[in-house]
Amino acid sequence: SGGIAGAILTGIFAVDDGLIYTGSFLLLGKQIAGAMAGVAFSAVGTAIIVGAMKLLVKLRIPEEHEIGGVDQHTHGESYHSPIKKYPAGGRMTSDSEESSDAVC
């Protein structure tokens, strides 16, 4: 987004041909067209790379891993710890201690 913004703002603020200094939209139009050409080139290149990857490797995990949780399958642990609770006060407690059902 920084490159696109820079390209477009160059068409606006350029001293020689920019919109503000000359009132002409010519350079701004060229800058926008160039930025969109870069976006199109990147999109086509990404589509080609992803298409080639789909032919060579599977991009998705198996459905049973997705349903059961990827962290559980890959790392042997869950993203949400079943042991610790976070009560409204923000102090972490174990299940044996009294805990609040309030959400922080």
N, C-alpha and C. Protein backbone atom coordinates (compact mmCIF):
# COMPACT_ATOMS: atom_id res chain seq x y z
N SER A 1 0.82 -1.19 0.00
CA SER A 1 0.00 0.00 0.00
C SER A 1 0.86 1.25 0.00
N GLY A 2 2.06 1.18 0.56
CA GLY A 2 2.95 2.35 0.56
C GLY A 2 3.41 2.69 -0.83
N GLY A 3 3.69 1.68 -1.66
CA GLY A 3 4.11 1.92 -3.03
C GLY A 3 3.01 2.53 -3.87
N ILE A 4 1.79 2.04 -3.68
CA ILE A 4 0.65 2.57 -4.42
C ILE A 4 0.39 4.02 -4.00
N ALA A 5 0.42 4.26 -2.71
CA ALA A 5 0.19 5.62 -2.22
C ALA A 5 1.27 6.56 -2.73
N GLY A 6 2.53 6.11 -2.72
CA GLY A 6 3.61 6.94 -3.21
C GLY A 6 3.48 7.26 -4.68
N ALA A 7 3.08 6.27 -5.46
CA ALA A 7 2.90 6.50 -6.90
C ALA A 7 1.81 7.51 -7.17
N ILE A 8 0.69 7.36 -6.49
CA ILE A 8 -0.43 8.27 -6.71
C ILE A 8 -0.11 9.67 -6.19
N LEU A 9 0.49 9.75 -5.02
CA LEU A 9 0.83 11.06 -4.47
C LEU A 9 1.88 11.78 -5.30
N THR A 10 2.75 11.02 -5.97
CA THR A 10 3.70 11.65 -6.90
C THR A 10 2.95 12.37 -8.00
N GLY A 11 1.89 11.75 -8.52
CA GLY A 11 1.07 12.40 -9.55
C GLY A 11 0.37 13.64 -9.05
N ILE A 12 0.15 13.72 -7.76
CA ILE A 12 -0.51 14.89 -7.19
C ILE A 12 0.48 16.00 -6.87
N PHE A 13 1.63 15.63 -6.26
CA PHE A 13 2.54 16.65 -5.73
C PHE A 13 3.79 16.92 -6.56
N ALA A 14 3.99 16.25 -7.68
CA ALA A 14 5.20 16.48 -8.49
C ALA A 14 5.27 17.94 -8.93
N VAL A 15 6.45 18.55 -8.77
CA VAL A 15 6.61 19.97 -9.06
C VAL A 15 6.48 20.26 -10.55
N ASP A 16 7.02 19.40 -11.40
CA ASP A 16 7.01 19.69 -12.84
C ASP A 16 5.65 19.44 -13.48
N ASP A 17 5.02 18.29 -13.20
CA ASP A 17 3.79 17.93 -13.91
C ASP A 17 2.63 17.54 -12.99
N GLY A 18 2.77 17.72 -11.70
CA GLY A 18 1.76 17.26 -10.76
C GLY A 18 0.48 18.05 -10.81
N LEU A 19 -0.56 17.45 -10.27
CA LEU A 19 -1.90 18.05 -10.29
C LEU A 19 -1.94 19.39 -9.56
N ILE A 20 -1.33 19.48 -8.41
CA ILE A 20 -1.41 20.70 -7.61
C ILE A 20 -0.68 21.86 -8.30
N TYR A 21 0.49 21.60 -8.86
CA TYR A 21 1.29 22.67 -9.43
C TYR A 21 0.87 23.06 -10.84
N THR A 22 0.35 22.12 -11.61
CA THR A 22 -0.01 22.44 -13.00
C THR A 22 -1.51 22.39 -13.27
N GLY A 23 -2.26 21.70 -12.41
CA GLY A 23 -3.70 21.55 -12.64
C GLY A 23 -4.02 20.47 -13.66
N SER A 24 -3.00 19.75 -14.13
CA SER A 24 -3.19 18.72 -15.14
C SER A 24 -3.32 17.35 -14.49
N PHE A 25 -4.25 16.58 -14.98
CA PHE A 25 -4.45 15.22 -14.48
C PHE A 25 -3.61 14.19 -15.25
N LEU A 26 -2.81 14.64 -16.20
CA LEU A 26 -2.06 13.72 -17.07
C LEU A 26 -1.10 12.84 -16.28
N LEU A 27 -0.23 13.44 -15.47
CA LEU A 27 0.72 12.64 -14.70
C LEU A 27 0.00 11.78 -13.66
N LEU A 28 -1.02 12.32 -13.02
CA LEU A 28 -1.78 11.55 -12.04
C LEU A 28 -2.39 10.31 -12.70
N GLY A 29 -2.96 10.46 -13.88
CA GLY A 29 -3.53 9.33 -14.60
C GLY A 29 -2.47 8.28 -14.93
N LYS A 30 -1.30 8.74 -15.37
CA LYS A 30 -0.21 7.81 -15.67
C LYS A 30 0.25 7.08 -14.41
N GLN A 31 0.33 7.78 -13.31
CA GLN A 31 0.76 7.17 -12.06
C GLN A 31 -0.26 6.14 -11.57
N ILE A 32 -1.53 6.45 -11.68
CA ILE A 32 -2.58 5.50 -11.29
C ILE A 32 -2.54 4.28 -12.19
N ALA A 33 -2.37 4.49 -13.51
CA ALA A 33 -2.30 3.36 -14.44
C ALA A 33 -1.09 2.49 -14.12
N GLY A 34 0.03 3.11 -13.82
CA GLY A 34 1.23 2.34 -13.46
C GLY A 34 1.05 1.55 -12.18
N ALA A 35 0.41 2.16 -11.18
CA ALA A 35 0.16 1.46 -9.92
C ALA A 35 -0.78 0.27 -10.13
N MET A 36 -1.81 0.45 -10.94
CA MET A 36 -2.75 -0.64 -11.20
C MET A 36 -2.09 -1.74 -12.02
N ALA A 37 -1.16 -1.38 -12.90
CA ALA A 37 -0.41 -2.39 -13.65
C ALA A 37 0.43 -3.23 -12.69
N GLY A 38 1.01 -2.60 -11.69
CA GLY A 38 1.77 -3.33 -10.67
C GLY A 38 0.88 -4.28 -9.87
N VAL A 39 -0.32 -3.83 -9.53
CA VAL A 39 -1.28 -4.67 -8.80
C VAL A 39 -1.68 -5.87 -9.67
N ALA A 40 -1.96 -5.62 -10.93
CA ALA A 40 -2.36 -6.71 -11.84
C ALA A 40 -1.22 -7.70 -12.02
N PHE A 41 -0.01 -7.22 -12.21
CA PHE A 41 1.15 -8.09 -12.36
C PHE A 41 1.33 -8.98 -11.13
N SER A 42 1.20 -8.37 -9.96
CA SER A 42 1.34 -9.14 -8.71
C SER A 42 0.24 -10.18 -8.56
N ALA A 43 -0.99 -9.81 -8.92
CA ALA A 43 -2.11 -10.74 -8.81
C ALA A 43 -1.94 -11.93 -9.75
N VAL A 44 -1.53 -11.67 -10.98
CA VAL A 44 -1.32 -12.75 -11.95
C VAL A 44 -0.16 -13.64 -11.49
N GLY A 45 0.93 -13.02 -11.06
CA GLY A 45 2.07 -13.80 -10.57
C GLY A 45 1.71 -14.67 -9.38
N THR A 46 0.95 -14.12 -8.45
CA THR A 46 0.51 -14.89 -7.28
C THR A 46 -0.40 -16.04 -7.70
N ALA A 47 -1.31 -15.80 -8.63
CA ALA A 47 -2.20 -16.85 -9.10
C ALA A 47 -1.42 -17.99 -9.75
N ILE A 48 -0.38 -17.65 -10.51
CA ILE A 48 0.44 -18.68 -11.14
C ILE A 48 1.18 -19.50 -10.09
N ILE A 49 1.75 -18.83 -9.10
CA ILE A 49 2.49 -19.53 -8.04
C ILE A 49 1.56 -20.44 -7.24
N VAL A 50 0.39 -19.93 -6.84
CA VAL A 50 -0.56 -20.74 -6.07
C VAL A 50 -1.07 -21.91 -6.91
N GLY A 51 -1.31 -21.68 -8.19
CA GLY A 51 -1.75 -22.77 -9.07
C GLY A 51 -0.70 -23.86 -9.17
N ALA A 52 0.56 -23.47 -9.29
CA ALA A 52 1.64 -24.47 -9.34
C ALA A 52 1.76 -25.22 -8.02
N MET A 53 1.60 -24.51 -6.92
CA MET A 53 1.66 -25.16 -5.60
C MET A 53 0.52 -26.16 -5.43
N LYS A 54 -0.68 -25.82 -5.93
CA LYS A 54 -1.81 -26.74 -5.83
C LYS A 54 -1.53 -28.04 -6.57
N LEU A 55 -0.80 -27.95 -7.66
CA LEU A 55 -0.47 -29.15 -8.43
C LEU A 55 0.57 -30.02 -7.70
N LEU A 56 1.43 -29.39 -6.93
CA LEU A 56 2.54 -30.11 -6.30
C LEU A 56 2.25 -30.55 -4.87
N VAL A 57 1.57 -29.73 -4.09
CA VAL A 57 1.30 -30.04 -2.68
C VAL A 57 -0.14 -29.69 -2.35
N LYS A 58 -0.62 -30.30 -1.28
CA LYS A 58 -1.97 -29.99 -0.80
C LYS A 58 -1.87 -28.74 0.07
N LEU A 59 -2.70 -27.74 -0.20
CA LEU A 59 -2.63 -26.48 0.52
C LEU A 59 -3.48 -26.46 1.79
N ARG A 60 -4.45 -27.35 1.89
CA ARG A 60 -5.33 -27.38 3.07
C ARG A 60 -4.98 -28.56 3.95
N ILE A 61 -5.28 -28.41 5.23
CA ILE A 61 -5.10 -29.52 6.15
C ILE A 61 -6.31 -30.44 6.04
N PRO A 62 -6.19 -31.69 6.47
CA PRO A 62 -7.36 -32.59 6.44
C PRO A 62 -8.49 -32.04 7.31
N GLU A 63 -9.72 -32.34 6.91
CA GLU A 63 -10.89 -31.80 7.61
C GLU A 63 -10.93 -32.22 9.07
N GLU A 64 -10.53 -33.46 9.39
CA GLU A 64 -10.58 -33.90 10.79
C GLU A 64 -9.58 -33.11 11.66
N HIS A 65 -8.47 -32.68 11.08
CA HIS A 65 -7.52 -31.84 11.84
C HIS A 65 -8.09 -30.44 12.03
N GLU A 66 -8.78 -29.96 11.02
CA GLU A 66 -9.38 -28.63 11.10
C GLU A 66 -10.48 -28.60 12.16
N ILE A 67 -11.30 -29.63 12.19
CA ILE A 67 -12.39 -29.69 13.16
C ILE A 67 -11.85 -29.88 14.57
N GLY A 68 -10.87 -30.77 14.72
CA GLY A 68 -10.30 -31.04 16.03
C GLY A 68 -9.38 -29.96 16.54
N GLY A 69 -8.93 -29.10 15.68
CA GLY A 69 -8.03 -28.04 16.07
C GLY A 69 -6.62 -28.32 15.58
N VAL A 70 -6.07 -27.42 14.80
CA VAL A 70 -4.75 -27.61 14.21
C VAL A 70 -3.68 -27.61 15.29
N ASP A 71 -3.81 -26.74 16.29
CA ASP A 71 -2.81 -26.70 17.36
C ASP A 71 -2.75 -28.03 18.10
N GLN A 72 -3.91 -28.61 18.35
CA GLN A 72 -3.95 -29.89 19.06
C GLN A 72 -3.24 -30.97 18.25
N HIS A 73 -3.49 -31.03 16.97
CA HIS A 73 -2.88 -32.05 16.14
C HIS A 73 -1.38 -31.81 15.94
N THR A 74 -1.01 -30.58 15.65
CA THR A 74 0.38 -30.27 15.31
C THR A 74 1.28 -30.22 16.53
N HIS A 75 0.82 -29.55 17.60
CA HIS A 75 1.67 -29.30 18.76
C HIS A 75 1.30 -30.12 19.99
N GLY A 76 0.15 -30.79 19.93
CA GLY A 76 -0.29 -31.57 21.08
C GLY A 76 -0.85 -30.72 22.20
N GLU A 77 -1.24 -29.49 21.89
CA GLU A 77 -1.85 -28.62 22.91
C GLU A 77 -2.90 -27.75 22.25
N SER A 78 -3.81 -27.25 23.06
CA SER A 78 -4.89 -26.44 22.56
C SER A 78 -4.55 -24.97 22.70
N TYR A 79 -5.10 -24.16 21.82
CA TYR A 79 -4.93 -22.72 21.91
C TYR A 79 -5.54 -22.20 23.21
N HIS A 80 -6.69 -22.73 23.57
CA HIS A 80 -7.37 -22.34 24.80
C HIS A 80 -7.05 -23.36 25.87
N SER A 81 -6.41 -22.92 26.93
CA SER A 81 -6.01 -23.82 28.00
C SER A 81 -7.23 -24.24 28.82
N PRO A 82 -7.46 -25.55 28.99
CA PRO A 82 -8.59 -25.99 29.80
C PRO A 82 -8.30 -25.88 31.29
N ILE A 83 -7.07 -25.62 31.68
CA ILE A 83 -6.69 -25.60 33.08
C ILE A 83 -6.86 -24.22 33.70
N LYS A 84 -6.54 -23.18 32.97
CA LYS A 84 -6.55 -21.83 33.51
C LYS A 84 -7.83 -21.09 33.11
N LYS A 85 -8.29 -20.24 34.01
CA LYS A 85 -9.45 -19.39 33.75
C LYS A 85 -9.01 -17.94 33.92
N TYR A 86 -9.64 -17.06 33.20
CA TYR A 86 -9.34 -15.64 33.30
C TYR A 86 -10.60 -14.92 33.80
N PRO A 87 -10.71 -14.68 35.10
CA PRO A 87 -11.90 -14.01 35.63
C PRO A 87 -11.89 -12.52 35.27
N ALA A 88 -12.98 -11.86 35.62
CA ALA A 88 -13.14 -10.45 35.28
C ALA A 88 -12.03 -9.59 35.88
N GLY A 89 -11.46 -9.97 37.00
CA GLY A 89 -10.40 -9.19 37.62
C GLY A 89 -9.08 -9.26 36.88
N GLY A 90 -8.94 -10.20 35.96
CA GLY A 90 -7.74 -10.31 35.16
C GLY A 90 -6.67 -11.20 35.77
N ARG A 91 -6.87 -11.70 37.00
CA ARG A 91 -5.88 -12.56 37.64
C ARG A 91 -6.13 -13.99 37.21
N MET A 92 -5.11 -14.68 36.75
CA MET A 92 -5.26 -16.05 36.28
C MET A 92 -5.36 -16.98 37.49
N THR A 93 -6.35 -17.88 37.44
CA THR A 93 -6.54 -18.83 38.52
C THR A 93 -6.67 -20.23 37.94
N SER A 94 -6.50 -21.25 38.79
CA SER A 94 -6.70 -22.61 38.31
C SER A 94 -8.17 -22.98 38.46
N ASP A 95 -8.56 -24.14 37.91
CA ASP A 95 -9.96 -24.58 37.98
C ASP A 95 -10.42 -24.82 39.40
N SER A 96 -9.52 -25.18 40.29
CA SER A 96 -9.91 -25.50 41.65
C SER A 96 -10.32 -24.25 42.43
N GLU A 97 -9.80 -23.10 42.03
CA GLU A 97 -10.17 -21.86 42.70
C GLU A 97 -11.49 -21.35 42.14
N GLU A 98 -12.16 -20.54 42.93
CA GLU A 98 -13.42 -19.96 42.48
C GLU A 98 -13.13 -18.98 41.35
N SER A 99 -13.87 -19.09 40.27
CA SER A 99 -13.64 -18.18 39.14
C SER A 99 -14.96 -17.61 38.67
N SER A 100 -14.87 -16.49 38.02
CA SER A 100 -16.02 -15.79 37.50
C SER A 100 -16.25 -16.21 36.05
N ASP A 101 -17.50 -16.20 35.61
CA ASP A 101 -17.80 -16.50 34.23
C ASP A 101 -17.78 -15.24 33.36
N ALA A 102 -17.44 -14.11 33.96
CA ALA A 102 -17.40 -12.86 33.22
C ALA A 102 -16.28 -12.87 32.19
N VAL A 103 -16.53 -12.20 31.10
CA VAL A 103 -15.53 -12.10 30.03
C VAL A 103 -14.77 -10.80 30.19
N CYS A 104 -13.46 -10.87 30.06
CA CYS A 104 -12.64 -9.66 30.19
C CYS A 104 -12.81 -8.76 29.01
